Amino acid sequence: MESGPEVFAGTVFALFGAALLLWTGVRLRHGEPVADGVNRVASAAVAGLAGTLALVLGGYCLTRL
């Protein structure tokens, strides 16, 4: 019963991280900016780092069951 919040948090983090990495990759492949008005390399790096961090946190939450 007490593992419910961990499963929910892990799933949310993992889905968000995967979606952010996928979205960033598609934007870069099409040559479109990741964020408006920001350096393209910097915004892609920050988005990639945030997506990776969210995936790691999701994995951490799911392995703590």
PDB file of N, CA and C in Angstrom:
ATOM      1  N   MET A   1       0.815  -1.198   0.000  1.00  0.00           N
ATOM      2  CA  MET A   1       0.000   0.000   0.000  1.00  0.00           C
ATOM      3  C   MET A   1       0.857   1.260   0.000  1.00  0.00           C
ATOM      4  N   GLU A   2       1.960   1.237   0.730  1.00  0.00           N
ATOM      5  CA  GLU A   2       2.772   2.441   0.810  1.00  0.00           C
ATOM      6  C   GLU A   2       3.665   2.636  -0.406  1.00  0.00           C
ATOM      7  N   SER A   3       3.755   1.656  -1.303  1.00  0.00           N
ATOM      8  CA  SER A   3       4.575   1.819  -2.496  1.00  0.00           C
ATOM      9  C   SER A   3       3.815   2.526  -3.624  1.00  0.00           C
ATOM     10  N   GLY A   4       2.547   2.799  -3.433  1.00  0.00           N
ATOM     11  CA  GLY A   4       1.752   3.477  -4.459  1.00  0.00           C
ATOM     12  C   GLY A   4       2.314   4.824  -4.879  1.00  0.00           C
ATOM     13  N   PRO A   5       2.643   5.699  -3.921  1.00  0.00           N
ATOM     14  CA  PRO A   5       3.221   6.987  -4.316  1.00  0.00           C
ATOM     15  C   PRO A   5       4.566   6.862  -5.027  1.00  0.00           C
ATOM     16  N   GLU A   6       5.367   5.877  -4.639  1.00  0.00           N
ATOM     17  CA  GLU A   6       6.653   5.689  -5.308  1.00  0.00           C
ATOM     18  C   GLU A   6       6.463   5.252  -6.752  1.00  0.00           C
ATOM     19  N   VAL A   7       5.515   4.368  -6.974  1.00  0.00           N
ATOM     20  CA  VAL A   7       5.235   3.911  -8.341  1.00  0.00           C
ATOM     21  C   VAL A   7       4.711   5.067  -9.181  1.00  0.00           C
ATOM     22  N   PHE A   8       3.818   5.856  -8.609  1.00  0.00           N
ATOM     23  CA  PHE A   8       3.260   7.002  -9.343  1.00  0.00           C
ATOM     24  C   PHE A   8       4.355   8.012  -9.674  1.00  0.00           C
ATOM     25  N   ALA A   9       5.167   8.372  -8.682  1.00  0.00           N
ATOM     26  CA  ALA A   9       6.225   9.361  -8.917  1.00  0.00           C
ATOM     27  C   ALA A   9       7.238   8.836  -9.924  1.00  0.00           C
ATOM     28  N   GLY A  10       7.622   7.569  -9.803  1.00  0.00           N
ATOM     29  CA  GLY A  10       8.584   6.999 -10.737  1.00  0.00           C
ATOM     30  C   GLY A  10       8.054   6.974 -12.156  1.00  0.00           C
ATOM     31  N   THR A  11       6.791   6.630 -12.308  1.00  0.00           N
ATOM     32  CA  THR A  11       6.179   6.596 -13.636  1.00  0.00           C
ATOM     33  C   THR A  11       6.093   7.988 -14.243  1.00  0.00           C
ATOM     34  N   VAL A  12       5.696   8.961 -13.437  1.00  0.00           N
ATOM     35  CA  VAL A  12       5.594  10.338 -13.936  1.00  0.00           C
ATOM     36  C   VAL A  12       6.960  10.865 -14.353  1.00  0.00           C
ATOM     37  N   PHE A  13       7.971  10.667 -13.517  1.00  0.00           N
ATOM     38  CA  PHE A  13       9.320  11.121 -13.867  1.00  0.00           C
ATOM     39  C   PHE A  13       9.815  10.435 -15.134  1.00  0.00           C
ATOM     40  N   ALA A  14       9.629   9.139 -15.235  1.00  0.00           N
ATOM     41  CA  ALA A  14      10.116   8.399 -16.396  1.00  0.00           C
ATOM     42  C   ALA A  14       9.403   8.837 -17.682  1.00  0.00           C
ATOM     43  N   LEU A  15       8.097   8.996 -17.625  1.00  0.00           N
ATOM     44  CA  LEU A  15       7.355   9.437 -18.809  1.00  0.00           C
ATOM     45  C   LEU A  15       7.742  10.850 -19.218  1.00  0.00           C
ATOM     46  N   PHE A  16       7.887  11.743 -18.237  1.00  0.00           N
ATOM     47  CA  PHE A  16       8.276  13.118 -18.548  1.00  0.00           C
ATOM     48  C   PHE A  16       9.673  13.164 -19.160  1.00  0.00           C
ATOM     49  N   GLY A  17      10.615  12.428 -18.566  1.00  0.00           N
ATOM     50  CA  GLY A  17      11.978  12.427 -19.086  1.00  0.00           C
ATOM     51  C   GLY A  17      12.053  11.880 -20.501  1.00  0.00           C
ATOM     52  N   ALA A  18      11.355  10.780 -20.742  1.00  0.00           N
ATOM     53  CA  ALA A  18      11.360  10.185 -22.078  1.00  0.00           C
ATOM     54  C   ALA A  18      10.708  11.120 -23.101  1.00  0.00           C
ATOM     55  N   ALA A  19       9.597  11.731 -22.721  1.00  0.00           N
ATOM     56  CA  ALA A  19       8.910  12.643 -23.643  1.00  0.00           C
ATOM     57  C   ALA A  19       9.762  13.882 -23.932  1.00  0.00           C
ATOM     58  N   LEU A  20      10.437  14.410 -22.914  1.00  0.00           N
ATOM     59  CA  LEU A  20      11.281  15.591 -23.121  1.00  0.00           C
ATOM     60  C   LEU A  20      12.465  15.273 -24.024  1.00  0.00           C
ATOM     61  N   LEU A  21      13.082  14.127 -23.827  1.00  0.00           N
ATOM     62  CA  LEU A  21      14.200  13.745 -24.689  1.00  0.00           C
ATOM     63  C   LEU A  21      13.741  13.486 -26.124  1.00  0.00           C
ATOM     64  N   LEU A  22      12.591  12.844 -26.272  1.00  0.00           N
ATOM     65  CA  LEU A  22      12.055  12.598 -27.611  1.00  0.00           C
ATOM     66  C   LEU A  22      11.711  13.911 -28.312  1.00  0.00           C
ATOM     67  N   TRP A  23      11.052  14.814 -27.601  1.00  0.00           N
ATOM     68  CA  TRP A  23      10.656  16.100 -28.176  1.00  0.00           C
ATOM     69  C   TRP A  23      11.887  16.918 -28.569  1.00  0.00           C
ATOM     70  N   THR A  24      12.889  16.925 -27.713  1.00  0.00           N
ATOM     71  CA  THR A  24      14.112  17.674 -28.004  1.00  0.00           C
ATOM     72  C   THR A  24      14.810  17.097 -29.234  1.00  0.00           C
ATOM     73  N   GLY A  25      14.876  15.782 -29.316  1.00  0.00           N
ATOM     74  CA  GLY A  25      15.507  15.159 -30.479  1.00  0.00           C
ATOM     75  C   GLY A  25      14.780  15.450 -31.779  1.00  0.00           C
ATOM     76  N   VAL A  26      13.457  15.430 -31.738  1.00  0.00           N
ATOM     77  CA  VAL A  26      12.674  15.726 -32.949  1.00  0.00           C
ATOM     78  C   VAL A  26      12.865  17.171 -33.362  1.00  0.00           C
ATOM     79  N   ARG A  27      12.861  18.086 -32.385  1.00  0.00           N
ATOM     80  CA  ARG A  27      13.059  19.505 -32.718  1.00  0.00           C
ATOM     81  C   ARG A  27      14.428  19.735 -33.345  1.00  0.00           C
ATOM     82  N   LEU A  28      15.451  19.095 -32.803  1.00  0.00           N
ATOM     83  CA  LEU A  28      16.793  19.274 -33.345  1.00  0.00           C
ATOM     84  C   LEU A  28      16.920  18.650 -34.723  1.00  0.00           C
ATOM     85  N   ARG A  29      16.309  17.486 -34.931  1.00  0.00           N
ATOM     86  CA  ARG A  29      16.387  16.818 -36.227  1.00  0.00           C
ATOM     87  C   ARG A  29      15.733  17.654 -37.333  1.00  0.00           C
ATOM     88  N   HIS A  30      14.652  18.364 -36.985  1.00  0.00           N
ATOM     89  CA  HIS A  30      13.959  19.197 -37.975  1.00  0.00           C
ATOM     90  C   HIS A  30      14.584  20.579 -38.109  1.00  0.00           C
ATOM     91  N   GLY A  31      15.603  20.861 -37.311  1.00  0.00           N
ATOM     92  CA  GLY A  31      16.266  22.159 -37.397  1.00  0.00           C
ATOM     93  C   GLY A  31      15.485  23.280 -36.751  1.00  0.00           C
ATOM     94  N   GLU A  32      14.544  22.960 -35.905  1.00  0.00           N
ATOM     95  CA  GLU A  32      13.736  23.971 -35.221  1.00  0.00           C
ATOM     96  C   GLU A  32      14.337  24.268 -33.854  1.00  0.00           C
ATOM     97  N   PRO A  33      14.090  25.465 -33.334  1.00  0.00           N
ATOM     98  CA  PRO A  33      14.656  25.804 -32.024  1.00  0.00           C
ATOM     99  C   PRO A  33      13.972  25.024 -30.903  1.00  0.00           C
ATOM    100  N   VAL A  34      14.737  24.687 -29.881  1.00  0.00           N
ATOM    101  CA  VAL A  34      14.183  24.007 -28.720  1.00  0.00           C
ATOM    102  C   VAL A  34      13.464  25.017 -27.840  1.00  0.00           C
ATOM    103  N   ALA A  35      14.035  26.223 -27.715  1.00  0.00           N
ATOM    104  CA  ALA A  35      13.410  27.307 -26.966  1.00  0.00           C
ATOM    105  C   ALA A  35      13.581  28.594 -27.770  1.00  0.00           C
ATOM    106  N   ASP A  36      12.561  29.411 -27.828  1.00  0.00           N
ATOM    107  CA  ASP A  36      12.625  30.650 -28.594  1.00  0.00           C
ATOM    108  C   ASP A  36      13.503  31.676 -27.891  1.00  0.00           C
ATOM    109  N   GLY A  37      14.355  32.321 -28.661  1.00  0.00           N
ATOM    110  CA  GLY A  37      15.178  33.400 -28.145  1.00  0.00           C
ATOM    111  C   GLY A  37      16.379  32.958 -27.322  1.00  0.00           C
ATOM    112  N   VAL A  38      16.708  31.672 -27.375  1.00  0.00           N
ATOM    113  CA  VAL A  38      17.833  31.154 -26.598  1.00  0.00           C
ATOM    114  C   VAL A  38      18.791  30.472 -27.564  1.00  0.00           C
ATOM    115  N   ASN A  39      20.067  30.462 -27.219  1.00  0.00           N
ATOM    116  CA  ASN A  39      21.059  29.770 -28.033  1.00  0.00           C
ATOM    117  C   ASN A  39      20.625  28.324 -28.227  1.00  0.00           C
ATOM    118  N   ARG A  40      20.706  27.851 -29.459  1.00  0.00           N
ATOM    119  CA  ARG A  40      20.200  26.526 -29.799  1.00  0.00           C
ATOM    120  C   ARG A  40      20.958  25.408 -29.080  1.00  0.00           C
ATOM    121  N   VAL A  41      22.247  25.540 -28.985  1.00  0.00           N
ATOM    122  CA  VAL A  41      23.060  24.511 -28.326  1.00  0.00           C
ATOM    123  C   VAL A  41      22.781  24.500 -26.828  1.00  0.00           C
ATOM    124  N   ALA A  42      22.702  25.676 -26.238  1.00  0.00           N
ATOM    125  CA  ALA A  42      22.468  25.758 -24.791  1.00  0.00           C
ATOM    126  C   ALA A  42      21.087  25.212 -24.421  1.00  0.00           C
ATOM    127  N   SER A  43      20.079  25.556 -25.202  1.00  0.00           N
ATOM    128  CA  SER A  43      18.734  25.083 -24.877  1.00  0.00           C
ATOM    129  C   SER A  43      18.615  23.572 -25.072  1.00  0.00           C
ATOM    130  N   ALA A  44      19.281  23.038 -26.084  1.00  0.00           N
ATOM    131  CA  ALA A  44      19.261  21.587 -26.287  1.00  0.00           C
ATOM    132  C   ALA A  44      20.003  20.879 -25.161  1.00  0.00           C
ATOM    133  N   ALA A  45      21.097  21.456 -24.706  1.00  0.00           N
ATOM    134  CA  ALA A  45      21.860  20.846 -23.616  1.00  0.00           C
ATOM    135  C   ALA A  45      21.060  20.847 -22.317  1.00  0.00           C
ATOM    136  N   VAL A  46      20.410  21.948 -22.016  1.00  0.00           N
ATOM    137  CA  VAL A  46      19.622  22.032 -20.785  1.00  0.00           C
ATOM    138  C   VAL A  46      18.420  21.089 -20.852  1.00  0.00           C
ATOM    139  N   ALA A  47      17.753  21.043 -21.989  1.00  0.00           N
ATOM    140  CA  ALA A  47      16.612  20.139 -22.131  1.00  0.00           C
ATOM    141  C   ALA A  47      17.058  18.681 -22.051  1.00  0.00           C
ATOM    142  N   GLY A  48      18.193  18.360 -22.650  1.00  0.00           N
ATOM    143  CA  GLY A  48      18.714  16.995 -22.576  1.00  0.00           C
ATOM    144  C   GLY A  48      19.115  16.614 -21.160  1.00  0.00           C
ATOM    145  N   LEU A  49      19.715  17.543 -20.450  1.00  0.00           N
ATOM    146  CA  LEU A  49      20.095  17.289 -19.064  1.00  0.00           C
ATOM    147  C   LEU A  49      18.862  17.106 -18.181  1.00  0.00           C
ATOM    148  N   ALA A  50      17.852  17.929 -18.388  1.00  0.00           N
ATOM    149  CA  ALA A  50      16.618  17.812 -17.593  1.00  0.00           C
ATOM    150  C   ALA A  50      15.900  16.496 -17.890  1.00  0.00           C
ATOM    151  N   GLY A  51      15.859  16.099 -19.151  1.00  0.00           N
ATOM    152  CA  GLY A  51      15.226  14.832 -19.508  1.00  0.00           C
ATOM    153  C   GLY A  51      15.962  13.643 -18.937  1.00  0.00           C
ATOM    154  N   THR A  52      17.287  13.690 -18.994  1.00  0.00           N
ATOM    155  CA  THR A  52      18.086  12.602 -18.434  1.00  0.00           C
ATOM    156  C   THR A  52      17.933  12.529 -16.924  1.00  0.00           C
ATOM    157  N   LEU A  53      17.938  13.671 -16.268  1.00  0.00           N
ATOM    158  CA  LEU A  53      17.754  13.710 -14.817  1.00  0.00           C
ATOM    159  C   LEU A  53      16.387  13.163 -14.422  1.00  0.00           C
ATOM    160  N   ALA A  54      15.360  13.498 -15.178  1.00  0.00           N
ATOM    161  CA  ALA A  54      14.022  12.986 -14.879  1.00  0.00           C
ATOM    162  C   ALA A  54      13.970  11.464 -15.066  1.00  0.00           C
ATOM    163  N   LEU A  55      14.631  10.950 -16.096  1.00  0.00           N
ATOM    164  CA  LEU A  55      14.677   9.496 -16.283  1.00  0.00           C
ATOM    165  C   LEU A  55      15.424   8.803 -15.141  1.00  0.00           C
ATOM    166  N   VAL A  56      16.515   9.393 -14.701  1.00  0.00           N
ATOM    167  CA  VAL A  56      17.268   8.814 -13.580  1.00  0.00           C
ATOM    168  C   VAL A  56      16.434   8.833 -12.304  1.00  0.00           C
ATOM    169  N   LEU A  57      15.758   9.937 -12.037  1.00  0.00           N
ATOM    170  CA  LEU A  57      14.894  10.006 -10.858  1.00  0.00           C
ATOM    171  C   LEU A  57      13.756   9.000 -10.934  1.00  0.00           C
ATOM    172  N   GLY A  58      13.189   8.821 -12.114  1.00  0.00           N
ATOM    173  CA  GLY A  58      12.144   7.832 -12.293  1.00  0.00           C
ATOM    174  C   GLY A  58      12.648   6.420 -12.027  1.00  0.00           C
ATOM    175  N   GLY A  59      13.820   6.119 -12.538  1.00  0.00           N
ATOM    176  CA  GLY A  59      14.417   4.824 -12.286  1.00  0.00           C
ATOM    177  C   GLY A  59      14.728   4.622 -10.813  1.00  0.00           C
ATOM    178  N   TYR A  60      15.198   5.663 -10.161  1.00  0.00           N
ATOM    179  CA  TYR A  60      15.496   5.585  -8.735  1.00  0.00           C
ATOM    180  C   TYR A  60      14.223   5.300  -7.935  1.00  0.00           C
ATOM    181  N   CYS A  61      13.163   6.019  -8.244  1.00  0.00           N
ATOM    182  CA  CYS A  61      11.900   5.802  -7.521  1.00  0.00           C
ATOM    183  C   CYS A  61      11.365   4.396  -7.749  1.00  0.00           C
ATOM    184  N   LEU A  62      11.477   3.894  -8.955  1.00  0.00           N
ATOM    185  CA  LEU A  62      10.946   2.578  -9.263  1.00  0.00           C
ATOM    186  C   LEU A  62      11.797   1.447  -8.681  1.00  0.00           C
ATOM    187  N   THR A  63      13.084   1.692  -8.455  1.00  0.00           N
ATOM    188  CA  THR A  63      13.929   0.649  -7.871  1.00  0.00           C
ATOM    189  C   THR A  63      13.885   0.655  -6.355  1.00  0.00           C
ATOM    190  N   ARG A  64      13.275   1.659  -5.746  1.00  0.00           N
ATOM    191  CA  ARG A  64      13.198   1.750  -4.301  1.00  0.00           C
ATOM    192  C   ARG A  64      11.985   1.010  -3.738  1.00  0.00           C
ATOM    193  N   LEU A  65      11.289   0.267  -4.560  1.00  0.00           N
ATOM    194  CA  LEU A  65      10.101  -0.439  -4.112  1.00  0.00           C
ATOM    195  C   LEU A  65      10.488  -1.493  -3.175  1.00  0.00           C
TER     196      LEU A  65
END
